[in-house]
Amino acid sequence: MSKILSPTQTYHILEELNHQPNKKLGQNFLIDKNIVKKSLTLANVQPHDKVVEIGPGLGTLSSALLEANVLLYAVEKDSTLADYLSNTIKPNFPNNFHLLTADALDFPIATLPILYFDNFKIIANLPYAIATPWLDLILSGPLPISMTLMLQKEAADRFCAKEGSKSFGAISIFLSSAFKKSNEHKVSRHCFYPEPNVDSTLLHLEKLPNPFIFHPKTKELIRFFFTQRRKQIGSLIKQLPPSDNLTSWLNFLSSKKFPTTTRPEDLPIHMWQQLDFHLSV
């Protein structure tokens, strides 16, 4: 595996680039080789895998992936870092490293060709600011066969939250309908430079055999419900224009012992999937 940059080396490279880590872009660079190895192990990286990476930064994870002989499609918003990667890593892997300088919210799977849409993995150290909107885009499809994501612990807890918990929300519903959590690994804040204020979680997710993808209108409605998560479902629906589809869904919920007094956070995921079915009729 490629040599992992130490905090001092990372500092000097950034100094040479005249680059200050951008907090808004979540630029905390990984400096622990064991975490890099753990990422590849959890993702079960194999030669010739097609991999998407978000925010490669100084290329610590990218280098390890490329040395494992994957076909890597990466998107980096910071032009200074993208130029650095183009000058240092790209020459060593001219055929396997495909780097796009752009916003991951505009290109959530970088420049991955359609040919690979049914068989690719995502491995990424996700910037906190874009974690939820980026994941929301990914869950609209095409879906990767797995995702191995470095996330701030709070985000990881929210993504995998179960109904009845304070962290349960719209993104929990969308994610758990398409993926299952197969593993997670706690990551100390000391594994990054500069050191963030919170610890992280390395989360491995695998696509379900029959993933459920919500329609855009259903997702919008579910997000609305969770903006007022402590209100009752019946009260929230009264704020919306009259709808036979929503009335039908409410009747279905009642038949399954979920009265109109149920709060959004207490409704199981399969009942939210039923909302999608009822809105599609």
Protein backbone atom coordinates (compact mmCIF):
# COMPACT_ATOMS: atom_id res chain seq x y z
CA MET A 1 0.00 0.00 0.00
CA SER A 2 1.16 3.53 -0.75
CA LYS A 3 2.79 5.51 2.02
CA ILE A 4 0.25 7.46 4.06
CA LEU A 5 1.00 11.13 4.54
CA SER A 6 1.83 12.08 8.12
CA PRO A 7 0.39 15.25 9.68
CA THR A 8 3.70 17.03 9.06
CA GLN A 9 3.85 15.91 5.43
CA THR A 10 0.23 16.90 4.90
CA TYR A 11 0.93 20.31 6.40
CA HIS A 12 3.96 20.84 4.16
CA ILE A 13 2.12 19.82 0.98
CA LEU A 14 -0.72 22.19 1.78
CA GLU A 15 1.83 24.91 2.52
CA GLU A 16 3.54 24.32 -0.83
CA LEU A 17 0.18 24.55 -2.52
CA ASN A 18 -0.53 27.74 -0.52
CA HIS A 19 -3.75 26.05 0.48
CA GLN A 20 -5.65 26.35 3.75
CA PRO A 21 -8.03 23.46 4.51
CA ASN A 22 -11.54 24.66 3.75
CA LYS A 23 -13.94 23.96 6.61
CA LYS A 24 -16.97 24.56 4.38
CA LEU A 25 -15.76 21.77 2.10
CA GLY A 26 -15.07 19.49 5.05
CA GLN A 27 -11.36 19.22 4.25
CA ASN A 28 -10.00 16.97 6.98
CA PHE A 29 -7.34 14.75 5.42
CA LEU A 30 -6.97 11.11 6.44
CA ILE A 31 -3.53 10.37 7.97
CA ASP A 32 -4.00 6.85 9.38
CA LYS A 33 -2.95 3.93 7.17
CA ASN A 34 -4.97 1.45 9.24
CA ILE A 35 -8.18 3.30 8.42
CA VAL A 36 -7.31 3.29 4.72
CA LYS A 37 -6.71 -0.47 4.89
CA LYS A 38 -9.95 -0.91 6.81
CA SER A 39 -11.86 0.98 4.11
CA LEU A 40 -10.56 -1.35 1.39
CA THR A 41 -11.25 -4.42 3.52
CA LEU A 42 -14.83 -3.44 4.35
CA ALA A 43 -15.48 -2.64 0.69
CA ASN A 44 -13.98 -6.00 -0.31
CA VAL A 45 -12.00 -4.24 -3.04
CA GLN A 46 -11.01 -6.52 -5.90
CA PRO A 47 -8.90 -5.91 -9.01
CA HIS A 48 -10.94 -4.32 -11.82
CA ASP A 49 -13.69 -3.09 -9.48
CA LYS A 50 -15.41 0.07 -10.68
CA VAL A 51 -15.23 2.59 -7.84
CA VAL A 52 -16.57 6.11 -7.32
CA GLU A 53 -14.77 8.37 -4.82
CA ILE A 54 -16.10 11.69 -3.55
CA GLY A 55 -13.62 14.38 -2.53
CA PRO A 56 -10.27 12.58 -2.94
CA GLY A 57 -8.39 15.52 -1.40
CA LEU A 58 -4.66 14.74 -1.39
CA GLY A 59 -5.27 11.27 -2.77
CA THR A 60 -4.50 9.05 0.23
CA LEU A 61 -7.46 6.74 -0.37
CA SER A 62 -7.25 7.19 -4.14
CA SER A 63 -3.67 5.91 -4.25
CA ALA A 64 -4.54 2.82 -2.22
CA LEU A 65 -7.50 2.06 -4.49
CA LEU A 66 -5.46 2.53 -7.65
CA GLU A 67 -2.70 0.31 -6.33
CA ALA A 68 -5.39 -2.33 -5.84
CA ASN A 69 -5.98 -2.04 -9.60
CA VAL A 70 -9.49 -0.63 -9.58
CA LEU A 71 -11.02 1.64 -12.19
CA LEU A 72 -11.50 4.84 -10.20
CA TYR A 73 -13.89 7.70 -10.99
CA ALA A 74 -13.41 10.61 -8.61
CA VAL A 75 -14.92 14.08 -8.28
CA GLU A 76 -13.10 16.90 -6.45
CA LYS A 77 -14.60 20.37 -6.06
CA ASP A 78 -11.40 22.12 -4.95
CA SER A 79 -9.48 23.03 -8.11
CA THR A 80 -6.16 23.35 -6.24
CA LEU A 81 -6.41 19.81 -4.93
CA ALA A 82 -7.66 18.52 -8.28
CA ASP A 83 -4.60 20.02 -9.98
CA TYR A 84 -2.37 18.42 -7.35
CA LEU A 85 -3.96 15.00 -8.00
CA SER A 86 -3.62 15.46 -11.76
CA ASN A 87 0.08 16.22 -11.38
CA THR A 88 1.00 13.59 -8.79
CA ILE A 89 -1.33 10.58 -9.09
CA LYS A 90 -2.77 10.72 -12.58
CA PRO A 91 0.64 10.20 -14.33
CA ASN A 92 1.13 6.92 -12.44
CA PHE A 93 -2.33 5.60 -13.31
CA PRO A 94 -3.23 7.27 -16.63
CA ASN A 95 -5.75 4.62 -17.67
CA ASN A 96 -7.39 3.89 -14.32
CA PHE A 97 -7.76 7.29 -12.69
CA HIS A 98 -10.61 9.43 -14.02
CA LEU A 99 -10.78 12.74 -12.15
CA LEU A 100 -13.46 15.37 -12.56
CA THR A 101 -13.14 18.87 -11.10
CA ALA A 102 -16.72 19.62 -10.09
CA ASP A 103 -19.29 19.65 -7.29
CA ALA A 104 -20.34 16.15 -6.19
CA LEU A 105 -23.91 17.44 -5.88
CA ASP A 106 -23.86 18.07 -9.63
CA PHE A 107 -22.00 14.82 -10.40
CA PRO A 108 -22.82 12.41 -7.55
CA ILE A 109 -21.19 9.45 -9.31
CA ALA A 110 -18.48 11.51 -11.04
CA THR A 111 -18.11 10.47 -14.69
CA LEU A 112 -18.95 6.81 -14.21
CA PRO A 113 -20.02 5.44 -17.62
CA ILE A 114 -23.54 4.05 -18.04
CA LEU A 115 -21.91 0.73 -18.87
CA TYR A 116 -21.03 0.30 -15.18
CA PHE A 117 -24.26 1.54 -13.60
CA ASP A 118 -25.29 -1.96 -12.50
CA ASN A 119 -21.98 -2.94 -10.93
CA PHE A 120 -20.03 -0.25 -9.10
CA LYS A 121 -18.98 0.61 -5.57
CA ILE A 122 -18.70 3.93 -3.75
CA ILE A 123 -15.82 4.42 -1.32
CA ALA A 124 -15.48 7.91 0.08
CA ASN A 125 -14.55 10.19 2.96
CA LEU A 126 -17.67 12.33 2.72
CA PRO A 127 -17.57 16.04 3.53
CA TYR A 128 -20.13 16.60 6.28
CA ALA A 129 -21.82 19.55 4.57
CA ILE A 130 -22.89 17.50 1.54
CA ALA A 131 -23.35 14.06 3.12
CA THR A 132 -27.17 14.12 3.30
CA PRO A 133 -28.00 15.84 -0.03
CA TRP A 134 -25.39 13.73 -1.86
CA LEU A 135 -26.75 10.49 -0.39
CA ASP A 136 -30.28 11.58 -1.29
CA LEU A 137 -29.14 11.88 -4.91
CA ILE A 138 -27.47 8.47 -4.83
CA LEU A 139 -30.65 6.88 -3.49
CA SER A 140 -32.52 8.10 -6.56
CA GLY A 141 -30.39 5.68 -8.62
CA PRO A 142 -28.41 4.21 -10.18
CA LEU A 143 -27.60 2.35 -6.99
CA PRO A 144 -24.10 1.04 -6.23
CA ILE A 145 -23.73 -2.56 -5.07
CA SER A 146 -22.12 -1.22 -1.90
CA MET A 147 -21.04 2.00 -0.20
CA THR A 148 -18.17 2.37 2.25
CA LEU A 149 -18.45 5.85 3.69
CA MET A 150 -16.45 7.84 6.21
CA LEU A 151 -18.96 10.05 8.00
CA GLN A 152 -19.15 12.16 11.10
CA LYS A 153 -20.64 9.94 13.79
CA GLU A 154 -23.82 12.03 14.06
CA ALA A 155 -24.50 11.63 10.34
CA ALA A 156 -23.87 7.88 10.42
CA ASP A 157 -26.24 7.50 13.38
CA ARG A 158 -28.92 9.50 11.56
CA PHE A 159 -28.55 7.59 8.30
CA CYS A 160 -29.03 4.22 10.01
CA ALA A 161 -31.54 5.28 12.66
CA LYS A 162 -34.59 3.12 13.36
CA GLU A 163 -38.15 4.26 13.86
CA GLY A 164 -38.91 5.49 17.35
CA SER A 165 -35.53 7.16 17.79
CA LYS A 166 -34.81 10.88 17.80
CA SER A 167 -32.38 10.48 14.89
CA PHE A 168 -34.92 8.76 12.62
CA GLY A 169 -35.84 10.90 9.64
CA ALA A 170 -36.43 11.05 5.91
CA ILE A 171 -32.88 10.05 4.93
CA SER A 172 -33.08 7.06 7.30
CA ILE A 173 -36.18 5.87 5.44
CA PHE A 174 -34.70 6.33 1.98
CA LEU A 175 -31.43 4.61 2.88
CA SER A 176 -32.86 1.65 4.79
CA SER A 177 -35.26 0.97 1.93
CA ALA A 178 -32.37 0.31 -0.45
CA PHE A 179 -29.37 -0.70 1.68
CA LYS A 180 -28.52 -2.64 4.81
CA LYS A 181 -25.73 -1.78 7.23
CA SER A 182 -23.34 -4.73 7.26
CA ASN A 183 -20.50 -3.21 9.28
CA GLU A 184 -19.23 -0.07 10.96
CA HIS A 185 -15.97 1.01 12.52
CA LYS A 186 -15.36 3.87 14.95
CA VAL A 187 -12.73 6.35 13.77
CA SER A 188 -11.05 8.79 16.14
CA ARG A 189 -10.75 12.47 15.25
CA HIS A 190 -6.99 11.98 15.67
CA CYS A 191 -6.93 10.10 12.35
CA PHE A 192 -7.36 13.36 10.43
CA TYR A 193 -5.48 16.57 9.73
CA PRO A 194 -6.59 19.12 10.64
CA GLU A 195 -8.29 17.36 13.53
CA PRO A 196 -12.10 17.81 13.44
CA ASN A 197 -14.13 18.50 16.56
CA VAL A 198 -15.97 15.16 16.47
CA ASP A 199 -15.24 11.48 15.90
CA SER A 200 -16.25 9.66 12.75
CA THR A 201 -17.72 6.34 11.68
CA LEU A 202 -16.62 4.17 8.77
CA LEU A 203 -19.90 2.73 7.55
CA HIS A 204 -20.30 -0.16 5.12
CA LEU A 205 -23.65 -0.56 3.35
CA GLU A 206 -24.76 -3.27 0.95
CA LYS A 207 -27.57 -2.99 -1.57
CA LEU A 208 -30.67 -5.01 -0.70
CA PRO A 209 -31.73 -7.82 -3.07
CA ASN A 210 -34.87 -5.81 -3.90
CA PRO A 211 -34.07 -2.17 -3.19
CA PHE A 212 -36.95 0.28 -2.92
CA ILE A 213 -36.54 3.67 -4.58
CA PHE A 214 -39.09 6.34 -3.65
CA HIS A 215 -40.63 8.59 -6.27
CA PRO A 216 -39.50 12.24 -6.04
CA LYS A 217 -42.96 13.49 -5.00
CA THR A 218 -43.13 10.94 -2.19
CA LYS A 219 -39.67 11.95 -0.96
CA GLU A 220 -40.74 15.58 -0.90
CA LEU A 221 -43.82 14.70 1.15
CA ILE A 222 -41.86 12.56 3.62
CA ARG A 223 -39.39 15.41 4.13
CA PHE A 224 -42.36 17.67 4.88
CA PHE A 225 -43.64 15.28 7.55
CA PHE A 226 -40.26 15.28 9.28
CA THR A 227 -39.97 19.05 9.39
CA GLN A 228 -42.63 18.76 12.10
CA ARG A 229 -41.70 15.33 13.41
CA ARG A 230 -43.48 15.67 16.78
CA LYS A 231 -46.85 16.45 15.21
CA GLN A 232 -49.33 13.70 14.48
CA ILE A 233 -49.71 12.28 10.97
CA GLY A 234 -53.38 13.24 10.82
CA SER A 235 -52.67 16.87 11.81
CA LEU A 236 -49.88 17.15 9.25
CA ILE A 237 -52.07 15.86 6.43
CA LYS A 238 -54.71 18.49 7.27
CA GLN A 239 -52.09 21.12 6.32
CA LEU A 240 -52.00 19.70 2.78
CA PRO A 241 -54.50 20.05 -0.07
CA PRO A 242 -57.27 17.39 0.02
CA SER A 243 -56.10 14.14 -1.56
CA ASP A 244 -57.88 10.83 -2.06
CA ASN A 245 -54.47 9.13 -2.19
CA LEU A 246 -53.48 10.44 1.24
CA THR A 247 -56.88 9.53 2.67
CA SER A 248 -56.44 6.02 1.30
CA TRP A 249 -53.01 5.82 2.94
CA LEU A 250 -54.41 7.01 6.28
CA ASN A 251 -57.12 4.35 6.10
CA PHE A 252 -54.48 1.74 5.33
CA LEU A 253 -52.42 2.86 8.33
CA SER A 254 -55.46 2.61 10.58
CA SER A 255 -56.13 -0.92 9.33
CA LYS A 256 -52.59 -1.81 10.41
CA LYS A 257 -53.07 -0.35 13.91
CA PHE A 258 -51.34 2.97 13.19
CA PRO A 259 -53.94 5.67 14.04
CA THR A 260 -53.84 9.24 12.79
CA THR A 261 -52.30 10.22 16.13
CA THR A 262 -49.06 8.40 15.19
CA ARG A 263 -46.03 10.68 14.86
CA PRO A 264 -43.76 10.45 11.78
CA GLU A 265 -40.79 9.21 13.82
CA ASP A 266 -42.85 6.24 15.09
CA LEU A 267 -44.01 4.98 11.70
CA PRO A 268 -42.06 1.95 10.37
CA ILE A 269 -40.23 2.14 7.07
CA HIS A 270 -42.56 -0.26 5.24
CA MET A 271 -45.47 2.05 6.03
CA TRP A 272 -43.65 4.92 4.35
CA GLN A 273 -43.17 2.66 1.34
CA GLN A 274 -46.93 2.18 1.35
CA LEU A 275 -47.28 5.95 1.02
CA ASP A 276 -45.31 5.71 -2.21
CA PHE A 277 -47.61 2.95 -3.47
CA HIS A 278 -50.76 4.91 -2.61
CA LEU A 279 -49.49 8.09 -4.27
CA SER A 280 -48.69 6.11 -7.42
CA VAL A 281 -52.24 4.80 -7.86
